[in-house]
Amino acid sequence: MADILSILAGAAEEGGHAGPEALWLQDYQWVSVAMLILIGIIVWKKVPGLITGGLDAKIQAIREQLDEAKELRAQAEALRDEYTAKMTEAEKHAEAMMENAQRDADAILEKAEADSKLMVERRKRMAEDKISAAEREAIDQVKAAAVAAAASAARKLIADKHGADADRKLADEVIASI
């Protein structure tokens, strides 16, 4: 090991390069030759064309995906606009239904109020008619009672004040007037 170090130190002192040599080429020259051979094989097998073809295929696939995404977005926006229009129309329809329902409720309320007024008036008239009928009946009963009382009183007075002589005189007057 000491021998190798001394050789390397001696080579460093001489200013040369201390590396392996084969077929009259230094190690860095072998690396250059290997690189040229590798680049030659890559060009000969058309690897750059394969790489660019693969990249072109990827680019085309990405473009197709982007186009599809644009189309899907346009469809989604169209659907959104359609549903927005439908929602607006549904809101308008709901408002119209509410207005119709309010009008119907108002009309029913007005009709109910008018019907209740008519019913109150009809019942009031019926009550007034019943009261009038009761008054007439009471008046008729009072008249009948008065007539009965007057007839009874007249009978009693006639019976008390008239005798057979007064009856003859009255009968004669009636006959004379005929």
Protein backbone atom coordinates (compact mmCIF):
# COMPACT_ATOMS: atom_id res chain seq x y z
CA MET A 1 0.00 0.00 0.00
CA ALA A 2 2.84 2.26 0.73
CA ASP A 3 4.13 1.52 -2.76
CA ILE A 4 0.93 2.76 -4.40
CA LEU A 5 0.98 5.93 -2.36
CA SER A 6 4.55 6.62 -3.29
CA ILE A 7 3.75 6.07 -6.98
CA LEU A 8 0.83 8.45 -6.81
CA ALA A 9 2.88 11.01 -4.94
CA GLY A 10 5.63 10.71 -7.53
CA ALA A 11 3.16 11.13 -10.36
CA ALA A 12 1.71 14.16 -8.70
CA GLU A 13 5.16 15.64 -8.42
CA GLU A 14 5.86 15.06 -12.09
CA GLY A 15 2.58 16.84 -13.03
CA GLY A 16 1.24 13.80 -14.83
CA HIS A 17 -1.85 11.87 -14.43
CA ALA A 18 -1.74 8.72 -12.42
CA GLY A 19 -4.59 6.61 -13.81
CA PRO A 20 -4.88 3.24 -15.55
CA GLU A 21 -4.06 2.94 -19.22
CA ALA A 22 -5.36 0.40 -21.70
CA LEU A 23 -4.82 0.22 -25.43
CA TRP A 24 -2.92 3.49 -25.36
CA LEU A 25 -5.89 5.43 -23.92
CA GLN A 26 -6.18 7.06 -20.55
CA ASP A 27 -9.26 6.56 -18.34
CA TYR A 28 -10.91 9.89 -19.26
CA GLN A 29 -10.44 8.99 -22.93
CA TRP A 30 -12.22 5.68 -22.34
CA VAL A 31 -15.12 7.56 -20.73
CA SER A 32 -15.33 9.85 -23.79
CA VAL A 33 -15.30 6.86 -26.16
CA ALA A 34 -18.02 5.10 -24.12
CA MET A 35 -20.15 8.25 -24.21
CA LEU A 36 -19.76 8.56 -27.99
CA ILE A 37 -20.74 4.90 -28.43
CA LEU A 38 -23.77 5.36 -26.14
CA ILE A 39 -24.90 8.48 -28.02
CA GLY A 40 -24.40 6.64 -31.32
CA ILE A 41 -26.55 3.71 -30.16
CA ILE A 42 -29.23 6.10 -28.91
CA VAL A 43 -29.32 7.90 -32.29
CA TRP A 44 -29.16 4.61 -34.23
CA LYS A 45 -32.15 3.13 -32.28
CA LYS A 46 -34.10 6.39 -32.75
CA VAL A 47 -34.62 6.90 -29.02
CA PRO A 48 -35.16 10.67 -29.41
CA GLY A 49 -37.99 9.94 -31.87
CA LEU A 50 -39.51 7.48 -29.42
CA ILE A 51 -39.21 10.01 -26.61
CA THR A 52 -40.73 12.80 -28.70
CA GLY A 53 -43.41 10.42 -29.99
CA GLY A 54 -44.29 9.44 -26.43
CA LEU A 55 -44.28 13.08 -25.40
CA ASP A 56 -46.43 13.98 -28.43
CA ALA A 57 -48.86 11.20 -27.50
CA LYS A 58 -49.00 12.50 -23.93
CA ILE A 59 -49.50 16.07 -25.21
CA GLN A 60 -52.31 14.88 -27.50
CA ALA A 61 -53.94 12.95 -24.65
CA ILE A 62 -53.72 16.02 -22.43
CA ARG A 63 -55.20 18.18 -25.22
CA GLU A 64 -58.07 15.72 -25.63
CA GLN A 65 -58.66 15.75 -21.89
CA LEU A 66 -58.63 19.55 -21.90
CA ASP A 67 -61.08 19.63 -24.84
CA GLU A 68 -63.31 17.13 -23.05
CA ALA A 69 -63.09 19.20 -19.86
CA LYS A 70 -64.04 22.35 -21.83
CA GLU A 71 -66.99 20.50 -23.35
CA LEU A 72 -68.07 19.19 -19.95
CA ARG A 73 -67.75 22.66 -18.49
CA ALA A 74 -69.88 24.11 -21.29
CA GLN A 75 -72.49 21.40 -20.69
CA ALA A 76 -72.39 22.07 -16.94
CA GLU A 77 -72.82 25.81 -17.52
CA ALA A 78 -75.73 25.12 -19.89
CA LEU A 79 -77.34 22.87 -17.27
CA ARG A 80 -76.73 25.50 -14.59
CA ASP A 81 -78.35 28.16 -16.78
CA GLU A 82 -81.26 25.83 -17.56
CA TYR A 83 -81.85 25.04 -13.91
CA THR A 84 -81.48 28.69 -12.96
CA ALA A 85 -84.16 29.52 -15.53
CA LYS A 86 -86.34 26.70 -14.21
CA MET A 87 -85.89 27.91 -10.64
CA THR A 88 -86.79 31.45 -11.68
CA GLU A 89 -89.84 30.15 -13.50
CA ALA A 90 -90.79 28.00 -10.49
CA GLU A 91 -90.45 31.02 -8.20
CA LYS A 92 -92.67 33.08 -10.51
CA HIS A 93 -95.18 30.22 -10.65
CA ALA A 94 -95.13 29.94 -6.86
CA GLU A 95 -95.69 33.70 -6.53
CA ALA A 96 -98.59 33.50 -8.99
CA MET A 97 -100.07 30.60 -7.03
CA MET A 98 -99.72 32.56 -3.81
CA GLU A 99 -101.42 35.58 -5.38
CA ASN A 100 -104.26 33.38 -6.70
CA ALA A 101 -104.63 31.74 -3.31
CA GLN A 102 -104.70 35.15 -1.62
CA ARG A 103 -107.34 36.39 -4.09
CA ASP A 104 -109.40 33.23 -3.55
CA ALA A 105 -109.09 33.57 0.23
CA ASP A 106 -110.13 37.23 0.03
CA ALA A 107 -113.11 36.33 -2.19
CA ILE A 108 -114.16 33.54 0.20
CA LEU A 109 -113.82 35.90 3.14
CA GLU A 110 -115.88 38.58 1.41
CA LYS A 111 -118.55 36.02 0.48
CA ALA A 112 -118.60 34.69 4.04
CA GLU A 113 -118.97 38.22 5.41
CA ALA A 114 -121.78 38.99 2.95
CA ASP A 115 -123.49 35.66 3.74
CA SER A 116 -123.18 36.27 7.46
CA LYS A 117 -124.65 39.78 7.07
CA LEU A 118 -127.54 38.34 5.06
CA MET A 119 -128.10 35.62 7.65
CA VAL A 120 -128.03 38.15 10.49
CA GLU A 121 -130.52 40.34 8.63
CA ARG A 122 -132.73 37.33 7.85
CA ARG A 123 -132.67 36.17 11.48
CA LYS A 124 -133.30 39.73 12.65
CA ARG A 125 -136.32 39.91 10.33
CA MET A 126 -137.50 36.51 11.55
CA ALA A 127 -137.14 37.66 15.16
CA GLU A 128 -138.96 40.90 14.37
CA ASP A 129 -141.69 38.90 12.60
CA LYS A 130 -141.99 36.59 15.61
CA ILE A 131 -142.14 39.61 17.93
CA SER A 132 -144.80 41.24 15.70
CA ALA A 133 -146.77 38.00 15.61
CA ALA A 134 -146.49 37.68 19.38
CA GLU A 135 -147.60 41.31 19.78
CA ARG A 136 -150.57 40.74 17.46
CA GLU A 137 -151.46 37.55 19.30
CA ALA A 138 -151.14 39.36 22.65
CA ILE A 139 -153.28 42.24 21.33
CA ASP A 140 -155.81 39.74 19.95
CA GLN A 141 -155.87 37.96 23.31
CA VAL A 142 -156.23 41.27 25.14
CA LYS A 143 -159.05 42.29 22.74
CA ALA A 144 -160.71 38.92 23.14
CA ALA A 145 -160.41 39.21 26.91
CA ALA A 146 -161.74 42.79 26.74
CA VAL A 147 -164.64 41.71 24.50
CA ALA A 148 -165.39 38.80 26.79
CA ALA A 149 -165.20 41.08 29.83
CA ALA A 150 -167.37 43.71 28.08
CA ALA A 151 -169.91 41.09 27.02
CA SER A 152 -169.95 39.65 30.49
CA ALA A 153 -170.34 43.12 32.01
CA ALA A 154 -173.01 44.00 29.46
CA ARG A 155 -174.89 40.80 30.23
CA LYS A 156 -174.66 41.52 33.90
CA LEU A 157 -175.77 45.14 33.43
CA ILE A 158 -178.59 44.14 31.13
CA ALA A 159 -179.62 41.41 33.47
CA ASP A 160 -179.49 43.78 36.43
CA LYS A 161 -181.12 46.83 34.81
CA HIS A 162 -183.50 45.31 32.36
CA GLY A 163 -186.50 43.55 33.35
CA ALA A 164 -189.47 42.18 31.43
CA ASP A 165 -190.92 45.67 30.90
CA ALA A 166 -187.68 47.02 29.44
CA ASP A 167 -187.47 43.98 27.15
CA ARG A 168 -190.98 44.60 25.81
CA LYS A 169 -190.29 48.22 25.23
CA LEU A 170 -187.06 47.34 23.37
CA ALA A 171 -188.80 44.69 21.28
CA ASP A 172 -191.52 47.17 20.35
CA GLU A 173 -188.93 49.72 19.24
CA VAL A 174 -187.13 47.17 17.10
CA ILE A 175 -190.40 46.07 15.49
CA ALA A 176 -191.45 49.67 14.86
CA SER A 177 -188.17 50.44 13.20
CA ILE A 178 -188.63 47.61 10.75
